[in-house]
Protein backbone atom coordinates (compact mmCIF):
# COMPACT_ATOMS: atom_id res chain seq x y z
CA UNK A 1 64.95 13.14 -40.14
CA UNK A 2 61.57 14.81 -40.04
CA UNK A 3 61.16 13.45 -36.50
CA UNK A 4 63.63 16.09 -35.37
CA UNK A 5 65.45 16.98 -32.21
CA UNK A 6 63.07 19.88 -31.52
CA UNK A 7 59.61 18.95 -32.78
CA UNK A 8 59.58 15.63 -30.94
CA UNK A 9 62.30 15.51 -28.32
CA UNK A 10 62.60 19.06 -27.00
CA UNK A 11 58.82 19.34 -26.90
CA UNK A 12 58.52 16.07 -24.98
CA UNK A 13 61.35 16.96 -22.62
CA UNK A 14 59.83 20.38 -21.96
CA UNK A 15 56.48 18.78 -21.10
CA UNK A 16 58.33 16.42 -18.76
CA UNK A 17 60.01 19.37 -17.04
CA UNK A 18 56.68 21.13 -16.43
CA UNK A 19 55.10 17.89 -15.23
CA UNK A 20 57.96 17.10 -12.86
CA UNK A 21 57.82 20.61 -11.44
CA UNK A 22 54.06 20.52 -10.85
CA UNK A 23 54.07 16.99 -9.42
CA UNK A 24 56.99 17.58 -7.11
CA UNK A 25 59.56 15.00 -6.02
CA UNK A 26 58.80 11.47 -4.85
CA UNK A 27 58.60 10.82 -1.13
CA UNK A 28 62.04 10.16 0.27
CA UNK A 29 63.89 11.70 -2.68
CA UNK A 30 64.93 14.93 -0.95
CA UNK A 31 65.22 14.90 2.84
CA UNK A 32 66.67 17.87 4.71
CA UNK A 33 68.12 19.18 1.47
CA UNK A 34 69.93 15.92 0.68
CA UNK A 35 69.18 13.98 -2.51
CA UNK A 36 68.66 10.25 -1.96
CA UNK A 37 69.02 7.81 -4.83
CA UNK A 38 65.90 5.70 -5.40
CA UNK A 39 67.03 2.71 -7.50
CA UNK A 40 65.09 1.49 -10.49
CA UNK A 41 63.19 -1.78 -10.41
CA UNK A 42 65.36 -3.83 -12.76
CA UNK A 43 68.56 -2.66 -14.45
CA UNK A 44 68.55 -5.55 -16.92
CA UNK A 45 65.09 -4.58 -18.18
CA UNK A 46 66.18 -0.94 -18.40
CA UNK A 47 69.12 -1.91 -20.63
CA UNK A 48 66.85 -4.09 -22.75
CA UNK A 49 64.47 -1.14 -23.13
CA UNK A 50 67.37 1.04 -24.24
CA UNK A 51 68.36 -1.50 -26.89
CA UNK A 52 64.76 -1.68 -28.15
CA UNK A 53 64.65 2.11 -28.44
CA UNK A 54 68.03 2.08 -30.20
CA UNK A 55 66.73 -0.41 -32.74
CA UNK A 56 63.57 1.63 -33.20
CA UNK A 57 65.62 4.70 -34.09
CA UNK A 58 66.54 3.02 -37.37
CA UNK A 59 62.87 3.40 -38.21
CA UNK A 60 62.73 7.00 -37.01
CA UNK A 61 65.62 8.45 -38.95
CA UNK A 62 65.95 6.45 -42.20
CA UNK A 63 62.20 5.76 -42.18
CA UNK A 64 61.20 9.41 -41.98
CA UNK A 65 63.51 10.13 -44.91
CA UNK A 66 61.92 7.41 -47.02
CA UNK A 67 58.48 8.93 -46.47
CA UNK A 68 59.59 12.52 -47.01
CA UNK A 69 59.10 13.13 -50.75
CA UNK A 70 61.60 15.28 -52.59
CA UNK A 71 64.45 14.97 -50.11
CA UNK A 72 66.63 12.08 -51.24
CA UNK A 73 64.25 10.39 -53.68
CA UNK A 74 64.81 7.06 -51.93
CA UNK A 75 68.54 7.27 -52.61
CA UNK A 76 69.94 4.05 -51.06
CA UNK A 77 73.21 5.80 -50.32
CA UNK A 78 71.35 8.39 -48.28
CA UNK A 79 69.43 5.76 -46.33
CA UNK A 80 72.56 3.77 -45.47
CA UNK A 81 74.39 6.97 -44.55
CA UNK A 82 71.62 7.91 -42.11
CA UNK A 83 71.82 4.47 -40.50
CA UNK A 84 75.56 4.98 -39.96
CA UNK A 85 75.30 8.50 -38.53
CA UNK A 86 72.51 7.40 -36.21
CA UNK A 87 74.43 4.40 -34.91
CA UNK A 88 77.70 6.31 -34.61
CA UNK A 89 76.14 9.03 -32.45
CA UNK A 90 74.54 6.43 -30.18
CA UNK A 91 77.82 4.57 -29.67
CA UNK A 92 79.68 7.82 -29.07
CA UNK A 93 77.10 8.92 -26.51
CA UNK A 94 77.49 5.65 -24.62
CA UNK A 95 81.29 5.90 -24.57
CA UNK A 96 81.25 9.55 -23.50
CA UNK A 97 78.78 8.93 -20.68
CA UNK A 98 80.77 5.92 -19.46
CA UNK A 99 84.04 7.87 -19.38
CA UNK A 100 82.45 10.94 -17.80
CA UNK A 101 81.00 8.92 -14.92
CA UNK A 102 84.15 6.81 -14.61
CA UNK A 103 86.59 9.72 -14.30
CA UNK A 104 84.49 11.92 -12.05
CA UNK A 105 86.89 14.24 -10.18
CA UNK A 106 84.36 14.58 -7.35
CA UNK A 107 84.55 10.85 -6.59
CA UNK A 108 87.95 9.10 -6.71
CA UNK A 109 86.25 5.69 -6.47
CA UNK A 110 83.77 6.30 -9.29
CA UNK A 111 82.95 3.58 -11.81
CA UNK A 112 81.07 3.65 -15.13
CA UNK A 113 77.37 4.10 -14.36
CA UNK A 114 75.16 1.74 -16.42
CA UNK A 115 72.08 3.94 -15.97
CA UNK A 116 73.99 6.96 -17.24
CA UNK A 117 75.35 4.93 -20.17
CA UNK A 118 71.73 4.24 -21.13
CA UNK A 119 71.07 7.97 -21.04
CA UNK A 120 74.23 8.56 -23.07
CA UNK A 121 72.99 6.25 -25.83
CA UNK A 122 69.58 7.92 -25.92
CA UNK A 123 71.02 11.42 -25.74
CA UNK A 124 73.28 10.65 -28.70
CA UNK A 125 70.30 9.35 -30.65
CA UNK A 126 68.21 12.41 -29.80
CA UNK A 127 71.01 14.80 -30.73
CA UNK A 128 71.69 13.23 -34.14
CA UNK A 129 68.03 13.05 -35.15
CA UNK A 130 67.90 16.59 -36.56
CA UNK A 131 71.10 16.34 -38.59
CA UNK A 132 71.40 12.63 -39.41
CA UNK A 133 70.92 13.29 -43.14
CA UNK A 134 73.23 16.29 -43.40
CA UNK A 135 76.44 15.45 -41.49
CA UNK A 136 79.44 13.18 -42.01
CA UNK A 137 80.23 10.14 -39.88
CA UNK A 138 82.96 12.12 -38.12
CA UNK A 139 80.56 14.92 -37.27
CA UNK A 140 78.03 12.38 -36.00
CA UNK A 141 80.76 11.01 -33.72
CA UNK A 142 81.43 14.50 -32.35
CA UNK A 143 77.73 15.24 -31.85
CA UNK A 144 77.26 11.96 -29.96
CA UNK A 145 80.33 12.47 -27.77
CA UNK A 146 79.20 15.92 -26.70
CA UNK A 147 75.66 14.67 -26.09
CA UNK A 148 76.98 11.88 -23.85
CA UNK A 149 78.96 14.37 -21.76
CA UNK A 150 76.16 16.93 -21.54
CA UNK A 151 73.57 14.43 -20.32
CA UNK A 152 75.67 13.46 -17.28
CA UNK A 153 76.02 17.04 -16.08
CA UNK A 154 72.41 17.82 -16.97
CA UNK A 155 71.08 15.00 -14.78
CA UNK A 156 73.16 16.35 -11.90
CA UNK A 157 71.95 19.91 -12.56
CA UNK A 158 68.24 19.07 -12.44
CA UNK A 159 68.80 16.99 -9.33
CA UNK A 160 70.41 19.99 -7.60
CA UNK A 161 67.43 22.08 -8.71
CA UNK A 162 65.20 19.59 -6.81
CA UNK A 163 63.47 18.53 -10.03
CA UNK A 164 62.87 14.81 -9.55
CA UNK A 165 63.32 13.15 -12.95
CA UNK A 166 63.46 9.38 -12.28
CA UNK A 167 64.62 8.34 -15.77
CA UNK A 168 66.50 11.44 -16.94
CA UNK A 169 63.89 12.29 -19.58
CA UNK A 170 64.44 16.03 -19.24
CA UNK A 171 68.18 15.68 -19.75
CA UNK A 172 67.92 13.21 -22.61
CA UNK A 173 65.10 14.79 -24.59
CA UNK A 174 65.03 18.50 -23.72
CA UNK A 175 68.75 19.13 -23.29
CA UNK A 176 69.80 16.56 -25.90
CA UNK A 177 67.22 17.97 -28.30
CA UNK A 178 68.50 21.52 -27.84
CA UNK A 179 72.06 20.38 -28.51
CA UNK A 180 70.97 18.42 -31.59
CA UNK A 181 69.11 21.45 -32.96
CA UNK A 182 72.19 23.64 -32.58
CA UNK A 183 74.49 20.94 -33.95
CA UNK A 184 72.69 21.07 -37.30
CA UNK A 185 73.87 24.65 -37.80
CA UNK A 186 77.41 23.72 -36.76
CA UNK A 187 78.11 20.49 -38.65
CA UNK A 188 75.84 20.44 -41.73
CA UNK A 189 77.74 19.73 -44.95
CA UNK A 190 75.37 21.86 -47.03
CA UNK A 191 72.94 21.06 -49.88
CA UNK A 192 74.13 18.36 -52.26
CA UNK A 193 77.40 17.78 -50.41
CA UNK A 194 76.63 14.20 -49.38
CA UNK A 195 74.25 13.00 -52.11
CA UNK A 196 73.65 13.88 -55.73
CA UNK A 197 69.92 14.23 -54.99
CA UNK A 198 68.31 16.23 -52.23
CA UNK A 199 68.35 19.55 -50.46
CA UNK A 200 69.17 20.68 -46.97
CA UNK A 201 70.38 23.51 -44.75
CA UNK A 202 73.41 25.64 -45.56
CA UNK A 203 76.87 24.42 -44.63
CA UNK A 204 77.49 24.60 -40.89
CA UNK A 205 79.73 26.99 -39.01
CA UNK A 206 82.43 24.31 -38.60
CA UNK A 207 82.12 23.20 -42.23
CA UNK A 208 82.92 26.41 -44.09
CA UNK A 209 79.44 27.89 -44.00
CA UNK A 210 80.62 31.44 -43.40
CA UNK A 211 78.07 34.18 -42.79
CA UNK A 212 75.21 31.97 -43.97
CA UNK A 213 75.88 29.54 -41.15
CA UNK A 214 75.53 32.37 -38.62
CA UNK A 215 72.08 33.05 -40.02
CA UNK A 216 71.20 29.36 -39.79
CA UNK A 217 72.43 29.23 -36.19
CA UNK A 218 70.26 32.26 -35.36
CA UNK A 219 67.24 30.53 -36.87
CA UNK A 220 67.94 27.41 -34.83
CA UNK A 221 68.25 29.44 -31.62
CA UNK A 222 65.03 31.31 -32.36
CA UNK A 223 63.25 28.03 -33.01
CA UNK A 224 64.48 26.59 -29.71
CA UNK A 225 63.22 29.61 -27.75
CA UNK A 226 59.84 29.86 -29.49
CA UNK A 227 59.05 26.14 -29.43
CA UNK A 228 60.07 25.62 -25.81
CA UNK A 229 58.32 28.72 -24.49
CA UNK A 230 55.10 27.81 -26.25
CA UNK A 231 55.43 24.23 -25.02
CA UNK A 232 55.83 25.39 -21.41
CA UNK A 233 52.64 27.46 -21.63
CA UNK A 234 50.55 24.83 -23.41
CA UNK A 235 51.75 21.90 -21.31
CA UNK A 236 51.18 23.88 -18.12
CA UNK A 237 47.59 24.50 -19.20
CA UNK A 238 47.20 20.82 -20.11
CA UNK A 239 48.45 19.71 -16.68
CA UNK A 240 46.08 22.13 -14.95
CA UNK A 241 43.21 20.87 -17.10
CA UNK A 242 43.97 17.29 -16.09
CA UNK A 243 44.05 18.37 -12.46
CA UNK A 244 40.68 20.09 -12.87
CA UNK A 245 39.17 17.00 -14.51
CA UNK A 246 40.46 14.79 -11.71
CA UNK A 247 39.14 17.32 -9.15
CA UNK A 248 42.08 16.49 -6.94
CA UNK A 249 45.85 16.57 -6.75
CA UNK A 250 47.88 15.24 -9.65
CA UNK A 251 49.63 12.95 -7.18
CA UNK A 252 48.40 9.76 -5.61
CA UNK A 253 47.96 9.71 -1.85
CA UNK A 254 51.04 9.45 0.34
CA UNK A 255 49.90 6.04 1.56
CA UNK A 256 49.57 4.77 -2.02
CA UNK A 257 52.96 6.16 -2.97
CA UNK A 258 54.73 4.46 -0.08
CA UNK A 259 52.92 1.16 -0.62
CA UNK A 260 53.57 1.28 -4.36
CA UNK A 261 50.89 1.57 -7.01
CA UNK A 262 51.07 -2.12 -7.92
CA UNK A 263 50.02 -3.06 -4.40
CA UNK A 264 47.65 -0.12 -3.92
CA UNK A 265 45.69 -0.74 -7.13
CA UNK A 266 46.05 -4.50 -7.62
CA UNK A 267 47.02 -5.79 -4.15
CA UNK A 268 50.08 -7.41 -5.71
CA UNK A 269 53.74 -6.43 -5.88
CA UNK A 270 55.61 -6.70 -9.16
CA UNK A 271 58.97 -6.16 -7.46
CA UNK A 272 58.92 -7.67 -3.99
CA UNK A 273 62.44 -6.49 -3.19
CA UNK A 274 61.75 -2.87 -4.11
CA UNK A 275 60.65 -1.25 -0.84
CA UNK A 276 61.51 1.94 0.99
CA UNK A 277 63.90 1.39 3.85
CA UNK A 278 62.22 2.11 7.17
CA UNK A 279 64.48 5.02 8.07
CA UNK A 280 63.86 6.75 4.74
CA UNK A 281 60.11 6.30 5.14
CA UNK A 282 60.18 7.69 8.66
CA UNK A 283 62.25 10.67 7.58
CA UNK A 284 59.81 11.35 4.75
CA UNK A 285 56.88 11.23 7.17
CA UNK A 286 58.58 13.59 9.61
CA UNK A 287 59.53 15.91 6.77
CA UNK A 288 55.88 16.10 5.69
CA UNK A 289 54.66 16.78 9.22
CA UNK A 290 57.28 19.50 9.66
CA UNK A 291 55.98 21.35 6.58
CA UNK A 292 52.29 21.06 7.52
């Protein structure tokens, strides 16, 4: 699809990384070097949001092909094939994330993590976006499985780096987008291999592409580096510009953050049960005073 893994997802994930770094972690997230889990407001709504995004992807991938003249010439076989590769990668990502969190060797009592399954679905969708038109169903399954595994370890990696990413956007979009961009050069079937009409990249490294696939992989790697480096610079400047316009910190005040923005701005709470525990709040306060 023209809404590819790099031009949309890696760019967005890279902007999220810069923003998370400049904003810093939420109060109570990291105390004395220990990462504390801050639960989301409503898991049911999060799953519903994932399903809405999943449904919307059938507009992203097949839809972008329909409005991309000269590619498949509205070939119905191509459109239905893209729907299948998109859905297969999403399902594979969910399964892989569920199994990875379930059989975690670091935790003998681990269970499938619903929040990570959501990220597995989205990571599979992000990863297949670049190659949805050029790979087989089996390759889409492989791409989604790998994406679902990668996202679990990526979330843990950024957490250990003290980058507070509440929804895993960096792991889903930046890391998933990078994997999807590389996967195109590994699993593409080559021009005309799947449909009688249309063009595409050379056959991938795992699909008999030979020396040409090495060249395609090099191009993909170069694109990843150039796009992400330029995105870091431009998004950094954009964040600093916003800070200059606001003439203050990018963050809300500590009091507003602890109260919650719903209460601070509207004097109402959307989630009455979602409050910091007293000990976590006190530790956060002491941590701030210790660093002042």
